[in-house]
Structure formats: structure tokens, C-alpha cells
Amino acid sequence: MTLEQTILGLEDEMWRANREGDGGFYARCLTDDAIVVSRFGVMGKDQIVAGINANRNPFVRSEIHEPRVFALGDSAALITYRATYTALIDGAEQDFTSLSTSVYVLVDGQWRSKFHQQTPL
């Protein structure tokens, strides 16, 4: 499997886990010092996992468009793309688009997420 396939597959799994409220996946896939920057602010791993588990605004659909993956040396990679997704907010579906970037690092032979940013469009 190529680096691009591996990182894109992980990013797809992150969106799946978000849709399904699967905080356990995030707990396993994030580095201990991971951060996310989004419209909800800057959050560390514990906040991220708790937010995914709470699933207050569940995503019902998500798609990654035009992904680009870059190696950052032998043990880090960056993926950037445009995301479209639909979330249930107060029971109503709302559509969103963002520019998203994630950084993954190799930890004990496993790719883990260290950073993710979403810029709403």
C-alpha cells in the first residue's frame, strides 16, 4: 500500500468514526499530544475523544475531495483536501464545506494523527 493510500484510508476512517460517534477509534489513532483546530476551538486528545463520544452534532455524510498527500521525511505525512459533510444540528441537516489538513506521524510502526485543522468555507 502506498503512503497516499495509507494516509487517505486513515483520514476516511477518522470521518467514519466521527459520523458514528466512535471515540475509541480516536483514542487509539491520536497521539497523546494531538490537537485539533476547528470552529469549536483548539482541543487536545481528551477533549477530542469526549466530543466524538458525545456525538452532539452527528455527521450523517462526509466526503473527501481532491486529497493531496505529502511525505514529511520518513516518519511523518501531511494530507490536505476539501471536505463536504452534513451534520444534524438541532435535528435538522446542515451542509458544510471546509479545507482540511492533517499531519500523521509514525509511532511504534503505526501511523497516528498528531494534528488536524478545518477551515470552514
C-alpha atoms as a PDB file:
ATOM      1  CA  MET A   1       0.000   0.000   0.000  1.00  0.00           C
ATOM      2  CA  THR A   2       1.343   3.427  -0.904  1.00  0.00           C
ATOM      3  CA  LEU A   3       1.771   6.261   1.588  1.00  0.00           C
ATOM      4  CA  GLU A   4      -1.085   8.133  -0.118  1.00  0.00           C
ATOM      5  CA  GLN A   5      -3.435   5.136   0.180  1.00  0.00           C
ATOM      6  CA  THR A   6      -2.495   4.592   3.826  1.00  0.00           C
ATOM      7  CA  ILE A   7      -2.967   8.217   4.922  1.00  0.00           C
ATOM      8  CA  LEU A   8      -6.146   8.719   2.879  1.00  0.00           C
ATOM      9  CA  GLY A   9      -7.532   5.496   4.353  1.00  0.00           C
ATOM     10  CA  LEU A  10      -6.825   6.716   7.882  1.00  0.00           C
ATOM     11  CA  GLU A  11      -8.424  10.075   7.161  1.00  0.00           C
ATOM     12  CA  ASP A  12     -11.515   8.325   5.781  1.00  0.00           C
ATOM     13  CA  GLU A  13     -11.643   6.257   8.979  1.00  0.00           C
ATOM     14  CA  MET A  14     -11.447   9.416  11.102  1.00  0.00           C
ATOM     15  CA  TRP A  15     -14.506  10.812   9.304  1.00  0.00           C
ATOM     16  CA  ARG A  16     -16.296   7.443   9.695  1.00  0.00           C
ATOM     17  CA  ALA A  17     -15.560   7.420  13.418  1.00  0.00           C
ATOM     18  CA  ASN A  18     -16.832  10.986  13.661  1.00  0.00           C
ATOM     19  CA  ARG A  19     -20.085  10.020  11.905  1.00  0.00           C
ATOM     20  CA  GLU A  20     -20.553   7.015  14.203  1.00  0.00           C
ATOM     21  CA  GLY A  21     -19.506   8.666  17.478  1.00  0.00           C
ATOM     22  CA  ASP A  22     -16.614   6.185  17.766  1.00  0.00           C
ATOM     23  CA  GLY A  23     -14.362   7.929  20.283  1.00  0.00           C
ATOM     24  CA  GLY A  24     -12.499   4.669  20.827  1.00  0.00           C
ATOM     25  CA  PHE A  25     -11.062   4.902  17.329  1.00  0.00           C
ATOM     26  CA  TYR A  26      -9.866   8.431  18.049  1.00  0.00           C
ATOM     27  CA  ALA A  27      -8.356   7.304  21.376  1.00  0.00           C
ATOM     28  CA  ARG A  28      -6.339   4.659  19.520  1.00  0.00           C
ATOM     29  CA  CYS A  29      -5.419   6.727  16.453  1.00  0.00           C
ATOM     30  CA  LEU A  30      -4.433  10.064  18.043  1.00  0.00           C
ATOM     31  CA  THR A  31      -1.028  10.724  19.554  1.00  0.00           C
ATOM     32  CA  ASP A  32      -1.172  11.691  23.232  1.00  0.00           C
ATOM     33  CA  ASP A  33      -0.277  15.297  22.332  1.00  0.00           C
ATOM     34  CA  ALA A  34      -2.623  15.565  19.322  1.00  0.00           C
ATOM     35  CA  ILE A  35      -4.539  18.765  18.699  1.00  0.00           C
ATOM     36  CA  VAL A  36      -7.464  19.751  16.520  1.00  0.00           C
ATOM     37  CA  VAL A  37      -8.167  23.312  15.399  1.00  0.00           C
ATOM     38  CA  SER A  38     -11.754  23.835  14.243  1.00  0.00           C
ATOM     39  CA  ARG A  39     -14.760  26.097  14.635  1.00  0.00           C
ATOM     40  CA  PHE A  40     -15.050  24.612  18.131  1.00  0.00           C
ATOM     41  CA  GLY A  41     -11.594  25.945  19.102  1.00  0.00           C
ATOM     42  CA  VAL A  42      -8.281  24.245  19.870  1.00  0.00           C
ATOM     43  CA  MET A  43      -8.688  20.880  21.586  1.00  0.00           C
ATOM     44  CA  GLY A  44      -6.365  18.216  22.916  1.00  0.00           C
ATOM     45  CA  LYS A  45      -6.835  14.463  22.782  1.00  0.00           C
ATOM     46  CA  ASP A  46      -9.059  14.117  25.866  1.00  0.00           C
ATOM     47  CA  GLN A  47     -11.439  16.834  24.628  1.00  0.00           C
ATOM     48  CA  ILE A  48     -11.481  15.383  21.121  1.00  0.00           C
ATOM     49  CA  VAL A  49     -12.325  11.864  22.291  1.00  0.00           C
ATOM     50  CA  ALA A  50     -15.019  13.150  24.669  1.00  0.00           C
ATOM     51  CA  GLY A  51     -16.559  15.269  21.903  1.00  0.00           C
ATOM     52  CA  ILE A  52     -16.661  12.367  19.456  1.00  0.00           C
ATOM     53  CA  ASN A  53     -18.196  10.087  22.097  1.00  0.00           C
ATOM     54  CA  ALA A  54     -20.859  12.716  22.939  1.00  0.00           C
ATOM     55  CA  ASN A  55     -21.732  12.961  19.212  1.00  0.00           C
ATOM     56  CA  ARG A  56     -23.897  16.050  19.835  1.00  0.00           C
ATOM     57  CA  ASN A  57     -23.970  17.105  16.174  1.00  0.00           C
ATOM     58  CA  PRO A  58     -23.615  13.763  14.395  1.00  0.00           C
ATOM     59  CA  PHE A  59     -22.328  13.757  10.869  1.00  0.00           C
ATOM     60  CA  VAL A  60     -24.631  11.843   8.547  1.00  0.00           C
ATOM     61  CA  ARG A  61     -22.441  12.166   5.449  1.00  0.00           C
ATOM     62  CA  SER A  62     -18.872  13.155   4.667  1.00  0.00           C
ATOM     63  CA  GLU A  63     -16.703  13.166   1.563  1.00  0.00           C
ATOM     64  CA  ILE A  64     -13.059  13.982   0.890  1.00  0.00           C
ATOM     65  CA  HIS A  65     -12.325  15.802  -2.370  1.00  0.00           C
ATOM     66  CA  GLU A  66      -9.009  16.380  -4.162  1.00  0.00           C
ATOM     67  CA  PRO A  67      -6.745  14.889  -1.481  1.00  0.00           C
ATOM     68  CA  ARG A  68      -3.032  15.605  -1.649  1.00  0.00           C
ATOM     69  CA  VAL A  69      -0.585  13.643   0.497  1.00  0.00           C
ATOM     70  CA  PHE A  70       2.978  14.767   1.184  1.00  0.00           C
ATOM     71  CA  ALA A  71       5.750  12.867   2.949  1.00  0.00           C
ATOM     72  CA  LEU A  72       7.439  14.951   5.658  1.00  0.00           C
ATOM     73  CA  GLY A  73      10.549  12.829   5.975  1.00  0.00           C
ATOM     74  CA  ASP A  74      10.426   9.107   6.759  1.00  0.00           C
ATOM     75  CA  SER A  75       8.100   9.240   9.746  1.00  0.00           C
ATOM     76  CA  ALA A  76       5.555  11.978   9.075  1.00  0.00           C
ATOM     77  CA  ALA A  77       2.999  12.813   6.400  1.00  0.00           C
ATOM     78  CA  LEU A  78       0.522  15.574   5.667  1.00  0.00           C
ATOM     79  CA  ILE A  79      -2.812  15.312   3.885  1.00  0.00           C
ATOM     80  CA  THR A  80      -4.812  18.306   2.708  1.00  0.00           C
ATOM     81  CA  TYR A  81      -8.195  18.322   0.954  1.00  0.00           C
ATOM     82  CA  ARG A  82     -11.630  19.864   0.678  1.00  0.00           C
ATOM     83  CA  ALA A  83     -14.297  18.149   2.772  1.00  0.00           C
ATOM     84  CA  THR A  84     -18.054  18.295   2.353  1.00  0.00           C
ATOM     85  CA  TYR A  85     -20.220  16.981   5.146  1.00  0.00           C
ATOM     86  CA  THR A  86     -23.711  17.058   6.551  1.00  0.00           C
ATOM     87  CA  ALA A  87     -24.370  17.301  10.290  1.00  0.00           C
ATOM     88  CA  LEU A  88     -27.557  17.055  12.321  1.00  0.00           C
ATOM     89  CA  ILE A  89     -27.871  20.279  14.302  1.00  0.00           C
ATOM     90  CA  ASP A  90     -30.941  20.604  16.497  1.00  0.00           C
ATOM     91  CA  GLY A  91     -32.485  17.788  14.459  1.00  0.00           C
ATOM     92  CA  ALA A  92     -32.014  19.488  11.086  1.00  0.00           C
ATOM     93  CA  GLU A  93     -29.455  18.537   8.451  1.00  0.00           C
ATOM     94  CA  GLN A  94     -26.962  21.282   7.620  1.00  0.00           C
ATOM     95  CA  ASP A  95     -24.315  21.091   4.894  1.00  0.00           C
ATOM     96  CA  PHE A  96     -20.757  22.311   5.400  1.00  0.00           C
ATOM     97  CA  THR A  97     -17.591  22.611   3.353  1.00  0.00           C
ATOM     98  CA  SER A  98     -14.114  23.025   4.785  1.00  0.00           C
ATOM     99  CA  LEU A  99     -10.496  22.964   3.795  1.00  0.00           C
ATOM    100  CA  SER A 100      -8.845  20.365   5.986  1.00  0.00           C
ATOM    101  CA  THR A 101      -5.275  19.402   6.789  1.00  0.00           C
ATOM    102  CA  SER A 102      -3.978  16.568   8.958  1.00  0.00           C
ATOM    103  CA  VAL A 103      -0.494  15.525   9.990  1.00  0.00           C
ATOM    104  CA  TYR A 104       0.283  11.893  10.782  1.00  0.00           C
ATOM    105  CA  VAL A 105       3.404  10.520  12.455  1.00  0.00           C
ATOM    106  CA  LEU A 106       4.770   7.003  12.787  1.00  0.00           C
ATOM    107  CA  VAL A 107       4.654   5.792  16.395  1.00  0.00           C
ATOM    108  CA  ASP A 108       5.923   2.261  17.032  1.00  0.00           C
ATOM    109  CA  GLY A 109       5.329   1.390  13.382  1.00  0.00           C
ATOM    110  CA  GLN A 110       1.737   2.727  13.322  1.00  0.00           C
ATOM    111  CA  TRP A 111       0.539   5.930  11.659  1.00  0.00           C
ATOM    112  CA  ARG A 112      -1.174   8.150  14.228  1.00  0.00           C
ATOM    113  CA  SER A 113      -2.826  11.546  13.917  1.00  0.00           C
ATOM    114  CA  LYS A 114      -0.974  14.430  15.566  1.00  0.00           C
ATOM    115  CA  PHE A 115      -2.709  17.494  14.094  1.00  0.00           C
ATOM    116  CA  HIS A 116      -5.918  18.331  12.243  1.00  0.00           C
ATOM    117  CA  GLN A 117      -7.276  21.703  11.163  1.00  0.00           C
ATOM    118  CA  GLN A 118     -10.570  22.559   9.493  1.00  0.00           C
ATOM    119  CA  THR A 119     -11.111  25.934   7.904  1.00  0.00           C
ATOM    120  CA  PRO A 120     -14.816  26.461   7.142  1.00  0.00           C
ATOM    121  CA  LEU A 121     -15.663  27.858   3.720  1.00  0.00           C
END
